[in-house]
C-alpha atoms as a PDB file:
ATOM      1  CA  UNK A   1     -34.461  52.125 -17.009  1.00  0.00           C
ATOM      2  CA  UNK A   2     -34.476  53.608 -13.520  1.00  0.00           C
ATOM      3  CA  UNK A   3     -31.498  53.370 -11.195  1.00  0.00           C
ATOM      4  CA  UNK A   4     -30.836  54.081  -7.534  1.00  0.00           C
ATOM      5  CA  UNK A   5     -27.409  55.573  -6.856  1.00  0.00           C
ATOM      6  CA  UNK A   6     -25.542  53.680  -4.108  1.00  0.00           C
ATOM      7  CA  UNK A   7     -22.540  55.942  -3.567  1.00  0.00           C
ATOM      8  CA  UNK A   8     -20.532  58.844  -4.884  1.00  0.00           C
ATOM      9  CA  UNK A   9     -19.273  58.928  -8.446  1.00  0.00           C
ATOM     10  CA  UNK A  10     -15.492  58.656  -8.693  1.00  0.00           C
ATOM     11  CA  UNK A  11     -12.810  58.329 -11.356  1.00  0.00           C
ATOM     12  CA  UNK A  12     -12.037  54.724 -12.237  1.00  0.00           C
ATOM     13  CA  UNK A  13      -8.574  53.416 -11.496  1.00  0.00           C
ATOM     14  CA  UNK A  14      -6.367  53.321 -14.575  1.00  0.00           C
ATOM     15  CA  UNK A  15      -4.396  50.092 -14.122  1.00  0.00           C
ATOM     16  CA  UNK A  16      -5.010  46.460 -13.280  1.00  0.00           C
ATOM     17  CA  UNK A  17      -5.093  45.913  -9.490  1.00  0.00           C
ATOM     18  CA  UNK A  18      -6.077  49.602  -9.143  1.00  0.00           C
ATOM     19  CA  UNK A  19      -9.735  49.062 -10.036  1.00  0.00           C
ATOM     20  CA  UNK A  20     -12.752  49.360  -7.784  1.00  0.00           C
ATOM     21  CA  UNK A  21     -15.633  47.043  -6.948  1.00  0.00           C
ATOM     22  CA  UNK A  22     -17.671  50.180  -6.132  1.00  0.00           C
ATOM     23  CA  UNK A  23     -18.565  49.052  -2.610  1.00  0.00           C
ATOM     24  CA  UNK A  24     -19.287  45.497  -3.800  1.00  0.00           C
ATOM     25  CA  UNK A  25     -22.005  46.685  -6.204  1.00  0.00           C
ATOM     26  CA  UNK A  26     -23.283  44.219  -8.787  1.00  0.00           C
ATOM     27  CA  UNK A  27     -24.189  47.046 -11.177  1.00  0.00           C
ATOM     28  CA  UNK A  28     -21.973  50.037 -11.961  1.00  0.00           C
ATOM     29  CA  UNK A  29     -22.852  53.042 -14.107  1.00  0.00           C
ATOM     30  CA  UNK A  30     -19.793  54.290 -15.976  1.00  0.00           C
ATOM     31  CA  UNK A  31     -19.622  57.516 -17.981  1.00  0.00           C
ATOM     32  CA  UNK A  32     -16.837  58.804 -20.186  1.00  0.00           C
ATOM     33  CA  UNK A  33     -16.640  62.502 -19.306  1.00  0.00           C
ATOM     34  CA  UNK A  34     -14.143  63.141 -22.109  1.00  0.00           C
ATOM     35  CA  UNK A  35     -14.414  63.184 -25.895  1.00  0.00           C
ATOM     36  CA  UNK A  36     -11.973  60.340 -26.661  1.00  0.00           C
ATOM     37  CA  UNK A  37     -13.145  56.709 -26.670  1.00  0.00           C
ATOM     38  CA  UNK A  38     -11.674  54.820 -23.667  1.00  0.00           C
ATOM     39  CA  UNK A  39     -11.216  51.121 -22.920  1.00  0.00           C
ATOM     40  CA  UNK A  40     -13.035  49.863 -19.809  1.00  0.00           C
ATOM     41  CA  UNK A  41     -11.921  46.578 -18.214  1.00  0.00           C
ATOM     42  CA  UNK A  42     -13.496  44.206 -15.675  1.00  0.00           C
ATOM     43  CA  UNK A  43     -11.315  41.806 -13.700  1.00  0.00           C
ATOM     44  CA  UNK A  44     -11.562  39.484 -10.736  1.00  0.00           C
ATOM     45  CA  UNK A  45     -10.799  41.082  -7.385  1.00  0.00           C
ATOM     46  CA  UNK A  46      -8.227  38.436  -6.418  1.00  0.00           C
ATOM     47  CA  UNK A  47      -4.649  39.025  -5.282  1.00  0.00           C
ATOM     48  CA  UNK A  48      -3.701  37.915  -8.829  1.00  0.00           C
ATOM     49  CA  UNK A  49      -6.527  39.420 -10.922  1.00  0.00           C
ATOM     50  CA  UNK A  50      -7.785  37.744 -14.084  1.00  0.00           C
ATOM     51  CA  UNK A  51      -9.178  39.885 -16.879  1.00  0.00           C
ATOM     52  CA  UNK A  52     -12.851  39.043 -17.508  1.00  0.00           C
ATOM     53  CA  UNK A  53     -13.514  41.379 -20.412  1.00  0.00           C
ATOM     54  CA  UNK A  54     -13.188  44.817 -21.953  1.00  0.00           C
ATOM     55  CA  UNK A  55     -15.272  47.236 -23.995  1.00  0.00           C
ATOM     56  CA  UNK A  56     -14.808  50.671 -25.530  1.00  0.00           C
ATOM     57  CA  UNK A  57     -16.835  53.527 -24.076  1.00  0.00           C
ATOM     58  CA  UNK A  58     -17.233  56.416 -26.522  1.00  0.00           C
ATOM     59  CA  UNK A  59     -16.734  60.024 -25.500  1.00  0.00           C
ATOM     60  CA  UNK A  60     -19.747  61.376 -23.626  1.00  0.00           C
ATOM     61  CA  UNK A  61     -21.325  57.890 -23.452  1.00  0.00           C
ATOM     62  CA  UNK A  62     -22.496  55.888 -20.437  1.00  0.00           C
ATOM     63  CA  UNK A  63     -23.245  52.218 -19.765  1.00  0.00           C
ATOM     64  CA  UNK A  64     -24.403  50.020 -16.906  1.00  0.00           C
ATOM     65  CA  UNK A  65     -22.022  47.126 -16.163  1.00  0.00           C
ATOM     66  CA  UNK A  66     -23.500  43.994 -14.567  1.00  0.00           C
ATOM     67  CA  UNK A  67     -20.789  42.187 -12.590  1.00  0.00           C
ATOM     68  CA  UNK A  68     -20.148  39.994  -9.572  1.00  0.00           C
ATOM     69  CA  UNK A  69     -19.824  41.957  -6.333  1.00  0.00           C
ATOM     70  CA  UNK A  70     -16.085  41.234  -6.035  1.00  0.00           C
ATOM     71  CA  UNK A  71     -15.206  42.052  -9.648  1.00  0.00           C
ATOM     72  CA  UNK A  72     -13.337  45.310 -10.194  1.00  0.00           C
ATOM     73  CA  UNK A  73     -13.615  47.948 -12.919  1.00  0.00           C
ATOM     74  CA  UNK A  74     -10.772  50.064 -14.273  1.00  0.00           C
ATOM     75  CA  UNK A  75     -10.362  52.220 -17.368  1.00  0.00           C
ATOM     76  CA  UNK A  76      -7.691  53.534 -19.720  1.00  0.00           C
ATOM     77  CA  UNK A  77      -8.117  57.087 -18.407  1.00  0.00           C
ATOM     78  CA  UNK A  78      -9.465  58.827 -15.283  1.00  0.00           C
ATOM     79  CA  UNK A  79     -12.045  60.593 -17.496  1.00  0.00           C
ATOM     80  CA  UNK A  80     -14.115  57.432 -17.008  1.00  0.00           C
ATOM     81  CA  UNK A  81     -16.210  57.845 -13.865  1.00  0.00           C
ATOM     82  CA  UNK A  82     -18.188  55.163 -12.071  1.00  0.00           C
ATOM     83  CA  UNK A  83     -20.748  54.712  -9.326  1.00  0.00           C
ATOM     84  CA  UNK A  84     -22.474  51.663  -7.890  1.00  0.00           C
ATOM     85  CA  UNK A  85     -26.183  51.533  -8.731  1.00  0.00           C
ATOM     86  CA  UNK A  86     -29.223  49.348  -8.213  1.00  0.00           C
ATOM     87  CA  UNK A  87     -31.512  48.811 -11.193  1.00  0.00           C
ATOM     88  CA  UNK A  88     -35.052  49.523 -10.034  1.00  0.00           C
ATOM     89  CA  UNK A  89     -37.117  49.377 -13.190  1.00  0.00           C
END
């Protein structure tokens, strides 16, 4: 898979309502820069967010999250970094 980076990688917020939509990206690459597995959560970007889902990201692992542009991503620790991407192939 090829991706185009759409911004600068940054630490994910660590609490609900402190997440990021990564400049309204519909795809976000997340990487766990640590060695401990961390929970990653996706929620609506409303004033009263609703949790959509969670998954565990192993130490040193990365994933691409497909989401709605307004959905926000946060993680259990700032070791989880994210950046908006476009999937190009």
